[in-house]
Amino acid sequence: MPDRTPTVAATADVDPRATIGAGTRVWHLAQVREDARVGEDCIVGRGAYIGPGVVVGDRCKIQNHALVYEPAVLEDGAFVGPAVVFTNDYYPRAVNPDGSLKSADDWHAVGVTVRTGASIGARSVCVAPVTIGRWALVAAGSVVTKDVPDFALVAGVPARRIRWVGRAGAPLEPDGDERWVCPTTGERYEEHGGELRLAQ
C-alpha cells in the first residue's frame, strides 16, 4: 500500500488544530490556520493561505498565493488558481467609527462557497457572499459579485456568463434547441430556464 501520510513542507505553517487529509501536500510558505479542514489528496500551493475554520473537500487544488479567507467552503474537486482572493466582509474597515481597532467581535464574516468540480481562474476575486456552481469556470482576472450557475463560464468585471462548459472544462457546442454537447467527452446537456444539467 502506498504511503498516504500528508506531506507538509518544513517551511509551511500548519496550525496543530488544523486537519490535513491523507495524501494531501502542503507546499513551501503555505499557511493553514486553526480549525481549518483540508480533505484527502489535495494540493495547497506555495504561499497559499487557508483561513480559520475553512473547509476544503477531497482532491482540491489551491494554487500558489491564493487567499482563501474564512468561512469559505470548497467542495470536492474544486480548483482555485494562482493569486485568487476570496473576500469575507461586506463593508471592510480597519477601525470602528470611534477610531478603535476592529476586532473579530465587530464584524460578521461572510463566505465564498465553491461547489463540486468548479474552477476559479488566476487572479480572480470572489466577493462574498457568493456561490460558484458545480463544474462552473471563472475566467482569469474576473471579479465575481453574484452567484454563478452550475456549468457556467463567467468572465469580466463584474463577471457575467459568456458560455456553458462541461465537466471537462471545455466550452460546450450547440446541439439543437436548448441542447449542448461537450467536444471533449461527448456528454450531452440540456438547458432549462437559464440552468444547465446533464441529459438523462
N, C-alpha and C. Protein backbone atom coordinates (compact mmCIF):
# COMPACT_ATOMS: atom_id res chain seq x y z
N MET A 1 0.84 -1.19 0.00
CA MET A 1 0.00 0.00 0.00
C MET A 1 0.89 1.25 0.00
N PRO A 2 0.56 2.25 -0.85
CA PRO A 2 1.36 3.46 -0.87
C PRO A 2 1.17 4.26 0.42
N ASP A 3 2.20 5.03 0.76
CA ASP A 3 2.15 5.86 1.96
C ASP A 3 1.16 7.01 1.73
N ARG A 4 0.16 7.11 2.61
CA ARG A 4 -0.88 8.14 2.47
C ARG A 4 -0.70 9.26 3.49
N THR A 5 0.44 9.31 4.16
CA THR A 5 0.69 10.35 5.14
C THR A 5 0.74 11.71 4.44
N PRO A 6 0.05 12.73 4.98
CA PRO A 6 0.14 14.06 4.37
C PRO A 6 1.60 14.54 4.33
N THR A 7 1.93 15.31 3.29
CA THR A 7 3.26 15.87 3.14
C THR A 7 3.18 17.37 3.38
N VAL A 8 3.88 17.86 4.37
CA VAL A 8 3.87 19.28 4.71
C VAL A 8 5.30 19.79 4.65
N ALA A 9 5.56 20.79 3.81
CA ALA A 9 6.89 21.36 3.69
C ALA A 9 7.35 21.93 5.02
N ALA A 10 8.64 21.84 5.28
CA ALA A 10 9.18 22.33 6.55
C ALA A 10 8.92 23.82 6.74
N THR A 11 8.81 24.55 5.64
CA THR A 11 8.59 26.00 5.72
C THR A 11 7.12 26.38 5.74
N ALA A 12 6.21 25.41 5.64
CA ALA A 12 4.78 25.71 5.73
C ALA A 12 4.39 25.92 7.19
N ASP A 13 3.30 26.66 7.41
CA ASP A 13 2.81 26.94 8.75
C ASP A 13 1.41 26.34 8.88
N VAL A 14 1.35 25.14 9.44
CA VAL A 14 0.08 24.43 9.63
C VAL A 14 -0.22 24.40 11.12
N ASP A 15 -1.30 25.05 11.52
CA ASP A 15 -1.67 25.09 12.93
C ASP A 15 -1.96 23.66 13.42
N PRO A 16 -1.54 23.32 14.63
CA PRO A 16 -1.80 21.96 15.13
C PRO A 16 -3.27 21.63 15.28
N ARG A 17 -4.15 22.65 15.30
CA ARG A 17 -5.59 22.40 15.41
C ARG A 17 -6.23 22.20 14.04
N ALA A 18 -5.47 22.38 12.96
CA ALA A 18 -5.98 22.13 11.61
C ALA A 18 -5.96 20.63 11.33
N THR A 19 -6.81 20.20 10.38
CA THR A 19 -6.85 18.80 9.96
C THR A 19 -6.42 18.71 8.51
N ILE A 20 -5.44 17.86 8.24
CA ILE A 20 -4.92 17.67 6.88
C ILE A 20 -5.16 16.21 6.49
N GLY A 21 -5.89 15.99 5.38
CA GLY A 21 -6.26 14.64 4.99
C GLY A 21 -5.13 13.83 4.39
N ALA A 22 -5.36 12.54 4.31
CA ALA A 22 -4.38 11.60 3.75
C ALA A 22 -4.04 11.97 2.32
N GLY A 23 -2.76 11.88 1.99
CA GLY A 23 -2.31 12.12 0.63
C GLY A 23 -2.22 13.57 0.23
N THR A 24 -2.56 14.50 1.11
CA THR A 24 -2.53 15.92 0.79
C THR A 24 -1.11 16.45 0.91
N ARG A 25 -0.77 17.41 0.03
CA ARG A 25 0.55 18.04 0.05
C ARG A 25 0.40 19.53 0.30
N VAL A 26 1.13 20.04 1.27
CA VAL A 26 1.14 21.47 1.61
C VAL A 26 2.54 21.98 1.34
N TRP A 27 2.65 22.95 0.42
CA TRP A 27 3.96 23.35 -0.09
C TRP A 27 4.54 24.54 0.67
N HIS A 28 5.73 24.92 0.25
CA HIS A 28 6.59 25.96 0.83
C HIS A 28 5.81 27.25 1.13
N LEU A 29 5.92 27.72 2.36
CA LEU A 29 5.36 29.00 2.81
C LEU A 29 3.84 29.08 2.84
N ALA A 30 3.16 27.97 2.61
CA ALA A 30 1.70 27.97 2.75
C ALA A 30 1.34 28.08 4.22
N GLN A 31 0.15 28.63 4.50
CA GLN A 31 -0.34 28.73 5.87
C GLN A 31 -1.74 28.15 5.95
N VAL A 32 -1.96 27.23 6.89
CA VAL A 32 -3.27 26.65 7.15
C VAL A 32 -3.59 26.95 8.60
N ARG A 33 -4.65 27.74 8.82
CA ARG A 33 -4.95 28.27 10.15
C ARG A 33 -5.73 27.27 11.01
N GLU A 34 -5.95 27.67 12.25
CA GLU A 34 -6.61 26.82 13.23
C GLU A 34 -8.01 26.40 12.78
N ASP A 35 -8.33 25.15 13.06
CA ASP A 35 -9.64 24.57 12.80
C ASP A 35 -10.00 24.46 11.32
N ALA A 36 -9.08 24.79 10.43
CA ALA A 36 -9.31 24.52 9.01
C ALA A 36 -9.29 23.00 8.79
N ARG A 37 -10.09 22.55 7.82
CA ARG A 37 -10.13 21.13 7.49
C ARG A 37 -9.86 20.97 6.00
N VAL A 38 -8.75 20.34 5.68
CA VAL A 38 -8.36 20.10 4.29
C VAL A 38 -8.49 18.60 4.04
N GLY A 39 -9.23 18.23 2.99
CA GLY A 39 -9.52 16.83 2.72
C GLY A 39 -8.35 16.04 2.18
N GLU A 40 -8.66 14.88 1.63
CA GLU A 40 -7.64 13.97 1.12
C GLU A 40 -7.21 14.34 -0.29
N ASP A 41 -5.94 14.04 -0.59
CA ASP A 41 -5.37 14.17 -1.94
C ASP A 41 -5.48 15.59 -2.49
N CYS A 42 -5.34 16.57 -1.62
CA CYS A 42 -5.36 17.98 -2.05
C CYS A 42 -3.94 18.49 -2.27
N ILE A 43 -3.85 19.61 -2.99
CA ILE A 43 -2.59 20.32 -3.14
C ILE A 43 -2.82 21.75 -2.66
N VAL A 44 -2.00 22.18 -1.71
CA VAL A 44 -2.02 23.56 -1.23
C VAL A 44 -0.69 24.18 -1.65
N GLY A 45 -0.75 25.10 -2.61
CA GLY A 45 0.45 25.60 -3.27
C GLY A 45 1.28 26.56 -2.43
N ARG A 46 2.42 26.92 -2.99
CA ARG A 46 3.37 27.81 -2.33
C ARG A 46 2.71 29.13 -1.95
N GLY A 47 2.84 29.50 -0.69
CA GLY A 47 2.35 30.80 -0.25
C GLY A 47 0.84 30.92 -0.15
N ALA A 48 0.10 29.84 -0.33
CA ALA A 48 -1.36 29.90 -0.22
C ALA A 48 -1.75 30.09 1.25
N TYR A 49 -2.93 30.68 1.45
CA TYR A 49 -3.45 30.93 2.80
C TYR A 49 -4.84 30.32 2.91
N ILE A 50 -5.04 29.52 3.96
CA ILE A 50 -6.35 28.93 4.25
C ILE A 50 -6.73 29.38 5.65
N GLY A 51 -7.82 30.15 5.75
CA GLY A 51 -8.19 30.80 6.99
C GLY A 51 -8.78 29.88 8.03
N PRO A 52 -8.97 30.41 9.25
CA PRO A 52 -9.52 29.60 10.35
C PRO A 52 -10.88 29.02 10.00
N GLY A 53 -11.05 27.73 10.22
CA GLY A 53 -12.34 27.08 10.01
C GLY A 53 -12.74 26.85 8.58
N VAL A 54 -11.90 27.21 7.61
CA VAL A 54 -12.22 26.95 6.20
C VAL A 54 -12.32 25.43 5.99
N VAL A 55 -13.26 25.03 5.15
CA VAL A 55 -13.47 23.60 4.86
C VAL A 55 -13.12 23.35 3.40
N VAL A 56 -12.20 22.43 3.17
CA VAL A 56 -11.76 22.06 1.82
C VAL A 56 -12.04 20.58 1.63
N GLY A 57 -12.76 20.22 0.57
CA GLY A 57 -13.08 18.83 0.30
C GLY A 57 -11.89 18.03 -0.20
N ASP A 58 -12.16 16.85 -0.73
CA ASP A 58 -11.12 15.97 -1.26
C ASP A 58 -10.74 16.38 -2.69
N ARG A 59 -9.48 16.10 -3.04
CA ARG A 59 -8.95 16.28 -4.40
C ARG A 59 -9.11 17.72 -4.91
N CYS A 60 -8.90 18.67 -4.03
CA CYS A 60 -8.93 20.08 -4.42
C CYS A 60 -7.51 20.57 -4.69
N LYS A 61 -7.40 21.58 -5.54
CA LYS A 61 -6.11 22.23 -5.79
C LYS A 61 -6.25 23.71 -5.46
N ILE A 62 -5.42 24.18 -4.55
CA ILE A 62 -5.36 25.59 -4.20
C ILE A 62 -3.96 26.05 -4.58
N GLN A 63 -3.89 26.84 -5.64
CA GLN A 63 -2.61 27.14 -6.26
C GLN A 63 -1.85 28.24 -5.51
N ASN A 64 -0.64 28.52 -5.99
CA ASN A 64 0.28 29.44 -5.32
C ASN A 64 -0.36 30.78 -5.02
N HIS A 65 -0.18 31.24 -3.78
CA HIS A 65 -0.57 32.59 -3.32
C HIS A 65 -2.07 32.85 -3.35
N ALA A 66 -2.89 31.81 -3.44
CA ALA A 66 -4.34 32.00 -3.32
C ALA A 66 -4.66 32.31 -1.86
N LEU A 67 -5.65 33.20 -1.66
CA LEU A 67 -6.05 33.63 -0.32
C LEU A 67 -7.49 33.20 -0.08
N VAL A 68 -7.66 32.17 0.73
CA VAL A 68 -8.98 31.58 0.97
C VAL A 68 -9.39 31.94 2.40
N TYR A 69 -10.10 33.06 2.52
CA TYR A 69 -10.47 33.57 3.84
C TYR A 69 -11.73 32.88 4.36
N GLU A 70 -11.76 32.72 5.66
CA GLU A 70 -12.91 32.14 6.34
C GLU A 70 -14.14 33.01 6.16
N PRO A 71 -15.34 32.41 6.10
CA PRO A 71 -15.67 30.99 6.29
C PRO A 71 -15.90 30.25 4.97
N ALA A 72 -14.94 30.29 4.07
CA ALA A 72 -15.09 29.66 2.75
C ALA A 72 -15.28 28.15 2.88
N VAL A 73 -16.02 27.59 1.91
CA VAL A 73 -16.21 26.15 1.80
C VAL A 73 -15.93 25.74 0.37
N LEU A 74 -15.03 24.78 0.19
CA LEU A 74 -14.73 24.21 -1.13
C LEU A 74 -15.17 22.76 -1.12
N GLU A 75 -16.05 22.40 -2.05
CA GLU A 75 -16.46 21.00 -2.16
C GLU A 75 -15.42 20.21 -2.94
N ASP A 76 -15.64 18.90 -3.07
CA ASP A 76 -14.67 18.01 -3.70
C ASP A 76 -14.32 18.49 -5.11
N GLY A 77 -13.04 18.38 -5.44
CA GLY A 77 -12.59 18.64 -6.81
C GLY A 77 -12.56 20.09 -7.21
N ALA A 78 -12.61 21.01 -6.27
CA ALA A 78 -12.56 22.44 -6.61
C ALA A 78 -11.13 22.84 -6.95
N PHE A 79 -11.01 23.79 -7.87
CA PHE A 79 -9.71 24.33 -8.28
C PHE A 79 -9.71 25.83 -8.02
N VAL A 80 -8.70 26.30 -7.29
CA VAL A 80 -8.53 27.72 -7.01
C VAL A 80 -7.18 28.13 -7.57
N GLY A 81 -7.20 28.98 -8.61
CA GLY A 81 -5.99 29.31 -9.34
C GLY A 81 -5.04 30.22 -8.59
N PRO A 82 -3.87 30.47 -9.18
CA PRO A 82 -2.86 31.30 -8.54
C PRO A 82 -3.38 32.71 -8.24
N ALA A 83 -3.08 33.18 -7.02
CA ALA A 83 -3.37 34.56 -6.59
C ALA A 83 -4.86 34.90 -6.57
N VAL A 84 -5.73 33.89 -6.54
CA VAL A 84 -7.16 34.14 -6.36
C VAL A 84 -7.40 34.66 -4.95
N VAL A 85 -8.40 35.55 -4.80
CA VAL A 85 -8.75 36.08 -3.48
C VAL A 85 -10.24 35.84 -3.23
N PHE A 86 -10.54 35.25 -2.07
CA PHE A 86 -11.92 35.14 -1.59
C PHE A 86 -12.08 36.17 -0.47
N THR A 87 -12.96 37.14 -0.64
CA THR A 87 -13.18 38.12 0.42
C THR A 87 -14.12 37.53 1.47
N ASN A 88 -14.29 38.27 2.59
CA ASN A 88 -15.19 37.78 3.64
C ASN A 88 -15.86 38.89 4.44
N ASP A 89 -15.93 40.09 3.87
CA ASP A 89 -16.51 41.21 4.61
C ASP A 89 -17.27 42.11 3.65
N TYR A 90 -18.56 42.36 3.94
CA TYR A 90 -19.36 43.27 3.13
C TYR A 90 -18.77 44.68 3.10
N TYR A 91 -18.45 45.20 4.27
CA TYR A 91 -18.03 46.60 4.43
C TYR A 91 -16.72 46.64 5.21
N PRO A 92 -15.61 46.37 4.54
CA PRO A 92 -14.34 46.27 5.27
C PRO A 92 -13.86 47.61 5.83
N ARG A 93 -13.49 47.60 7.08
CA ARG A 93 -12.91 48.74 7.77
C ARG A 93 -11.87 48.22 8.75
N ALA A 94 -10.78 48.96 8.93
CA ALA A 94 -9.79 48.62 9.94
C ALA A 94 -10.23 49.08 11.32
N VAL A 95 -11.03 50.18 11.36
CA VAL A 95 -11.42 50.76 12.65
C VAL A 95 -12.93 50.95 12.70
N ASN A 96 -13.45 51.04 13.93
CA ASN A 96 -14.84 51.39 14.17
C ASN A 96 -15.01 52.91 14.06
N PRO A 97 -16.26 53.41 13.99
CA PRO A 97 -16.47 54.85 13.88
C PRO A 97 -15.81 55.65 15.01
N ASP A 98 -15.61 55.04 16.19
CA ASP A 98 -14.96 55.76 17.28
C ASP A 98 -13.45 55.73 17.20
N GLY A 99 -12.92 55.12 16.12
CA GLY A 99 -11.47 55.08 15.92
C GLY A 99 -10.79 53.88 16.53
N SER A 100 -11.54 53.05 17.27
CA SER A 100 -10.93 51.86 17.87
C SER A 100 -10.70 50.79 16.82
N LEU A 101 -9.65 50.02 16.99
CA LEU A 101 -9.32 48.95 16.05
C LEU A 101 -10.41 47.89 16.07
N LYS A 102 -10.90 47.51 14.89
CA LYS A 102 -11.92 46.46 14.83
C LYS A 102 -11.35 45.13 15.30
N SER A 103 -12.18 44.38 16.02
CA SER A 103 -11.82 43.03 16.44
C SER A 103 -12.77 42.04 15.78
N ALA A 104 -12.56 40.77 16.06
CA ALA A 104 -13.42 39.74 15.48
C ALA A 104 -14.87 39.90 15.92
N ASP A 105 -15.08 40.53 17.06
CA ASP A 105 -16.44 40.73 17.57
C ASP A 105 -17.17 41.88 16.90
N ASP A 106 -16.46 42.68 16.10
CA ASP A 106 -17.04 43.89 15.50
C ASP A 106 -17.55 43.68 14.08
N TRP A 107 -17.51 42.45 13.58
CA TRP A 107 -18.00 42.20 12.23
C TRP A 107 -18.43 40.75 12.10
N HIS A 108 -19.24 40.51 11.07
CA HIS A 108 -19.76 39.17 10.80
C HIS A 108 -19.21 38.70 9.46
N ALA A 109 -18.37 37.66 9.50
CA ALA A 109 -17.75 37.16 8.28
C ALA A 109 -18.76 36.50 7.37
N VAL A 110 -18.65 36.75 6.06
CA VAL A 110 -19.45 36.08 5.04
C VAL A 110 -18.50 35.35 4.11
N GLY A 111 -18.94 34.20 3.56
CA GLY A 111 -18.01 33.35 2.85
C GLY A 111 -18.32 33.10 1.40
N VAL A 112 -17.34 32.51 0.73
CA VAL A 112 -17.46 32.03 -0.64
C VAL A 112 -17.62 30.52 -0.59
N THR A 113 -18.57 29.99 -1.37
CA THR A 113 -18.77 28.55 -1.49
C THR A 113 -18.45 28.14 -2.92
N VAL A 114 -17.60 27.15 -3.06
CA VAL A 114 -17.23 26.63 -4.38
C VAL A 114 -17.73 25.20 -4.46
N ARG A 115 -18.68 24.96 -5.36
CA ARG A 115 -19.31 23.64 -5.46
C ARG A 115 -18.40 22.64 -6.21
N THR A 116 -18.81 21.40 -6.20
CA THR A 116 -18.03 20.28 -6.74
C THR A 116 -17.53 20.56 -8.16
N GLY A 117 -16.22 20.38 -8.35
CA GLY A 117 -15.63 20.44 -9.68
C GLY A 117 -15.45 21.82 -10.27
N ALA A 118 -15.85 22.87 -9.57
CA ALA A 118 -15.75 24.23 -10.13
C ALA A 118 -14.30 24.71 -10.12
N SER A 119 -14.00 25.66 -11.01
CA SER A 119 -12.64 26.20 -11.13
C SER A 119 -12.67 27.71 -11.14
N ILE A 120 -11.75 28.32 -10.39
CA ILE A 120 -11.60 29.77 -10.31
C ILE A 120 -10.26 30.12 -10.93
N GLY A 121 -10.27 30.88 -12.03
CA GLY A 121 -9.05 31.21 -12.76
C GLY A 121 -8.14 32.18 -12.03
N ALA A 122 -6.89 32.22 -12.46
CA ALA A 122 -5.84 33.01 -11.82
C ALA A 122 -6.24 34.47 -11.63
N ARG A 123 -5.90 34.99 -10.46
CA ARG A 123 -6.09 36.40 -10.08
C ARG A 123 -7.55 36.85 -10.07
N SER A 124 -8.47 35.92 -10.03
CA SER A 124 -9.87 36.30 -9.87
C SER A 124 -10.13 36.71 -8.43
N VAL A 125 -11.17 37.53 -8.24
CA VAL A 125 -11.62 37.93 -6.91
C VAL A 125 -13.08 37.52 -6.78
N CYS A 126 -13.39 36.77 -5.73
CA CYS A 126 -14.77 36.38 -5.44
C CYS A 126 -15.22 37.18 -4.22
N VAL A 127 -16.21 38.04 -4.42
CA VAL A 127 -16.67 38.96 -3.38
C VAL A 127 -17.82 38.29 -2.62
N ALA A 128 -17.54 37.88 -1.40
CA ALA A 128 -18.52 37.17 -0.57
C ALA A 128 -19.66 38.09 -0.15
N PRO A 129 -20.86 37.48 0.08
CA PRO A 129 -21.18 36.06 -0.04
C PRO A 129 -21.54 35.70 -1.47
N VAL A 130 -20.95 34.64 -1.98
CA VAL A 130 -21.21 34.21 -3.35
C VAL A 130 -20.97 32.71 -3.44
N THR A 131 -21.73 32.05 -4.34
CA THR A 131 -21.58 30.62 -4.57
C THR A 131 -21.20 30.38 -6.03
N ILE A 132 -20.17 29.60 -6.24
CA ILE A 132 -19.74 29.20 -7.59
C ILE A 132 -20.30 27.79 -7.80
N GLY A 133 -21.18 27.64 -8.80
CA GLY A 133 -21.90 26.40 -9.00
C GLY A 133 -21.03 25.23 -9.44
N ARG A 134 -21.63 24.05 -9.43
CA ARG A 134 -20.93 22.82 -9.81
C ARG A 134 -20.37 22.91 -11.22
N TRP A 135 -19.10 22.57 -11.35
CA TRP A 135 -18.41 22.47 -12.64
C TRP A 135 -18.37 23.80 -13.39
N ALA A 136 -18.66 24.89 -12.71
CA ALA A 136 -18.55 26.22 -13.33
C ALA A 136 -17.08 26.58 -13.52
N LEU A 137 -16.85 27.59 -14.35
CA LEU A 137 -15.49 28.05 -14.63
C LEU A 137 -15.47 29.58 -14.61
N VAL A 138 -14.65 30.14 -13.74
CA VAL A 138 -14.46 31.59 -13.65
C VAL A 138 -13.18 31.92 -14.39
N ALA A 139 -13.29 32.75 -15.44
CA ALA A 139 -12.12 33.09 -16.25
C ALA A 139 -11.12 33.91 -15.44
N ALA A 140 -9.86 33.80 -15.80
CA ALA A 140 -8.79 34.51 -15.10
C ALA A 140 -9.08 36.01 -15.06
N GLY A 141 -8.80 36.62 -13.91
CA GLY A 141 -8.93 38.05 -13.76
C GLY A 141 -10.33 38.56 -13.55
N SER A 142 -11.29 37.69 -13.37
CA SER A 142 -12.68 38.11 -13.20
C SER A 142 -12.94 38.58 -11.77
N VAL A 143 -14.00 39.37 -11.61
CA VAL A 143 -14.48 39.77 -10.28
C VAL A 143 -15.91 39.26 -10.16
N VAL A 144 -16.10 38.26 -9.30
CA VAL A 144 -17.39 37.61 -9.15
C VAL A 144 -18.16 38.28 -8.01
N THR A 145 -19.30 38.88 -8.34
CA THR A 145 -20.12 39.57 -7.34
C THR A 145 -21.49 38.94 -7.17
N LYS A 146 -21.83 37.96 -8.03
CA LYS A 146 -23.13 37.27 -7.95
C LYS A 146 -22.90 35.78 -8.08
N ASP A 147 -23.87 35.00 -7.59
CA ASP A 147 -23.78 33.55 -7.71
C ASP A 147 -23.59 33.13 -9.16
N VAL A 148 -22.80 32.08 -9.36
CA VAL A 148 -22.51 31.55 -10.69
C VAL A 148 -23.26 30.23 -10.85
N PRO A 149 -24.08 30.07 -11.90
CA PRO A 149 -24.83 28.81 -12.08
C PRO A 149 -23.91 27.62 -12.35
N ASP A 150 -24.42 26.43 -12.10
CA ASP A 150 -23.72 25.21 -12.49
C ASP A 150 -23.36 25.28 -13.97
N PHE A 151 -22.17 24.83 -14.31
CA PHE A 151 -21.69 24.70 -15.70
C PHE A 151 -21.51 26.03 -16.44
N ALA A 152 -21.59 27.15 -15.74
CA ALA A 152 -21.44 28.44 -16.42
C ALA A 152 -19.97 28.81 -16.55
N LEU A 153 -19.62 29.42 -17.68
CA LEU A 153 -18.33 30.08 -17.86
C LEU A 153 -18.58 31.57 -17.72
N VAL A 154 -18.00 32.18 -16.70
CA VAL A 154 -18.18 33.61 -16.47
C VAL A 154 -16.85 34.32 -16.63
N ALA A 155 -16.92 35.59 -17.07
CA ALA A 155 -15.71 36.38 -17.29
C ALA A 155 -16.05 37.85 -17.13
N GLY A 156 -15.04 38.64 -16.79
CA GLY A 156 -15.18 40.09 -16.79
C GLY A 156 -15.29 40.70 -15.41
N VAL A 157 -15.45 42.03 -15.42
CA VAL A 157 -15.56 42.83 -14.20
C VAL A 157 -16.78 43.73 -14.34
N PRO A 158 -17.91 43.41 -13.69
CA PRO A 158 -18.14 42.18 -12.93
C PRO A 158 -18.34 40.99 -13.85
N ALA A 159 -18.16 39.79 -13.31
CA ALA A 159 -18.25 38.58 -14.12
C ALA A 159 -19.68 38.33 -14.60
N ARG A 160 -19.78 37.95 -15.88
CA ARG A 160 -21.09 37.59 -16.48
C ARG A 160 -20.91 36.29 -17.26
N ARG A 161 -22.00 35.53 -17.38
CA ARG A 161 -21.92 34.28 -18.14
C ARG A 161 -21.75 34.57 -19.61
N ILE A 162 -20.74 33.93 -20.21
CA ILE A 162 -20.50 34.10 -21.65
C ILE A 162 -20.66 32.79 -22.42
N ARG A 163 -20.57 31.65 -21.73
CA ARG A 163 -20.72 30.34 -22.37
C ARG A 163 -21.19 29.34 -21.32
N TRP A 164 -21.46 28.13 -21.77
CA TRP A 164 -21.60 26.98 -20.89
C TRP A 164 -20.36 26.11 -21.05
N VAL A 165 -19.98 25.42 -19.98
CA VAL A 165 -18.87 24.47 -20.05
C VAL A 165 -19.32 23.13 -19.48
N GLY A 166 -18.66 22.06 -19.93
CA GLY A 166 -18.96 20.73 -19.40
C GLY A 166 -18.03 20.36 -18.27
N ARG A 167 -18.16 19.13 -17.81
CA ARG A 167 -17.34 18.69 -16.68
C ARG A 167 -15.86 18.65 -17.03
N ALA A 168 -15.52 18.53 -18.31
CA ALA A 168 -14.12 18.54 -18.72
C ALA A 168 -13.54 19.95 -18.78
N GLY A 169 -14.40 20.98 -18.67
CA GLY A 169 -13.94 22.36 -18.70
C GLY A 169 -14.00 23.02 -20.05
N ALA A 170 -14.22 22.24 -21.11
CA ALA A 170 -14.27 22.81 -22.47
C ALA A 170 -15.62 23.48 -22.71
N PRO A 171 -15.64 24.60 -23.44
CA PRO A 171 -16.92 25.22 -23.80
C PRO A 171 -17.79 24.25 -24.59
N LEU A 172 -19.07 24.23 -24.28
CA LEU A 172 -19.99 23.33 -24.97
C LEU A 172 -20.39 23.90 -26.32
N GLU A 173 -20.76 22.99 -27.21
CA GLU A 173 -21.19 23.37 -28.56
C GLU A 173 -22.70 23.13 -28.70
N PRO A 174 -23.40 23.99 -29.46
CA PRO A 174 -24.85 23.80 -29.64
C PRO A 174 -25.14 22.46 -30.30
N ASP A 175 -26.26 21.85 -29.86
CA ASP A 175 -26.67 20.55 -30.41
C ASP A 175 -28.18 20.51 -30.51
N GLY A 176 -28.74 21.55 -31.12
CA GLY A 176 -30.19 21.64 -31.23
C GLY A 176 -30.75 22.63 -30.23
N ASP A 177 -32.08 22.73 -30.21
CA ASP A 177 -32.74 23.70 -29.36
C ASP A 177 -32.50 23.41 -27.87
N GLU A 178 -31.83 24.34 -27.19
CA GLU A 178 -31.52 24.23 -25.76
C GLU A 178 -30.78 22.94 -25.42
N ARG A 179 -30.03 22.42 -26.36
CA ARG A 179 -29.21 21.24 -26.12
C ARG A 179 -27.76 21.56 -26.46
N TRP A 180 -26.87 20.95 -25.71
CA TRP A 180 -25.44 21.24 -25.84
C TRP A 180 -24.67 19.93 -25.75
N VAL A 181 -23.47 19.92 -26.36
CA VAL A 181 -22.63 18.74 -26.31
C VAL A 181 -21.20 19.16 -26.00
N CYS A 182 -20.50 18.32 -25.23
CA CYS A 182 -19.10 18.59 -24.90
C CYS A 182 -18.21 18.03 -26.01
N PRO A 183 -17.36 18.87 -26.63
CA PRO A 183 -16.50 18.38 -27.71
C PRO A 183 -15.39 17.45 -27.21
N THR A 184 -15.15 17.43 -25.92
CA THR A 184 -14.09 16.59 -25.36
C THR A 184 -14.59 15.21 -24.98
N THR A 185 -15.74 15.16 -24.28
CA THR A 185 -16.22 13.88 -23.75
C THR A 185 -17.43 13.33 -24.49
N GLY A 186 -18.12 14.17 -25.28
CA GLY A 186 -19.36 13.76 -25.91
C GLY A 186 -20.56 13.81 -24.99
N GLU A 187 -20.38 14.20 -23.73
CA GLU A 187 -21.51 14.32 -22.82
C GLU A 187 -22.50 15.35 -23.35
N ARG A 188 -23.78 15.07 -23.13
CA ARG A 188 -24.83 15.96 -23.62
C ARG A 188 -25.53 16.64 -22.44
N TYR A 189 -25.92 17.87 -22.68
CA TYR A 189 -26.52 18.71 -21.64
C TYR A 189 -27.80 19.34 -22.18
N GLU A 190 -28.69 19.68 -21.25
CA GLU A 190 -29.95 20.34 -21.60
C GLU A 190 -30.09 21.61 -20.78
N GLU A 191 -30.59 22.65 -21.43
CA GLU A 191 -30.79 23.94 -20.78
C GLU A 191 -32.29 24.14 -20.51
N HIS A 192 -32.60 24.53 -19.27
CA HIS A 192 -33.99 24.79 -18.89
C HIS A 192 -34.02 26.03 -18.01
N GLY A 193 -34.69 27.09 -18.50
CA GLY A 193 -34.86 28.28 -17.68
C GLY A 193 -33.58 28.90 -17.21
N GLY A 194 -32.57 28.92 -18.07
CA GLY A 194 -31.30 29.53 -17.70
C GLY A 194 -30.40 28.65 -16.85
N GLU A 195 -30.78 27.38 -16.69
CA GLU A 195 -29.94 26.43 -15.96
C GLU A 195 -29.56 25.28 -16.87
N LEU A 196 -28.40 24.72 -16.62
CA LEU A 196 -27.91 23.61 -17.45
C LEU A 196 -27.75 22.37 -16.59
N ARG A 197 -28.08 21.21 -17.18
CA ARG A 197 -27.89 19.95 -16.47
C ARG A 197 -27.52 18.87 -17.47
N LEU A 198 -26.87 17.84 -16.96
CA LEU A 198 -26.53 16.69 -17.79
C LEU A 198 -27.82 16.04 -18.30
N ALA A 199 -27.84 15.69 -19.59
CA ALA A 199 -29.02 15.00 -20.15
C ALA A 199 -29.12 13.61 -19.54
N GLN A 200 -30.35 13.18 -19.33
CA GLN A 200 -30.59 11.85 -18.74
C GLN A 200 -30.33 10.78 -19.79
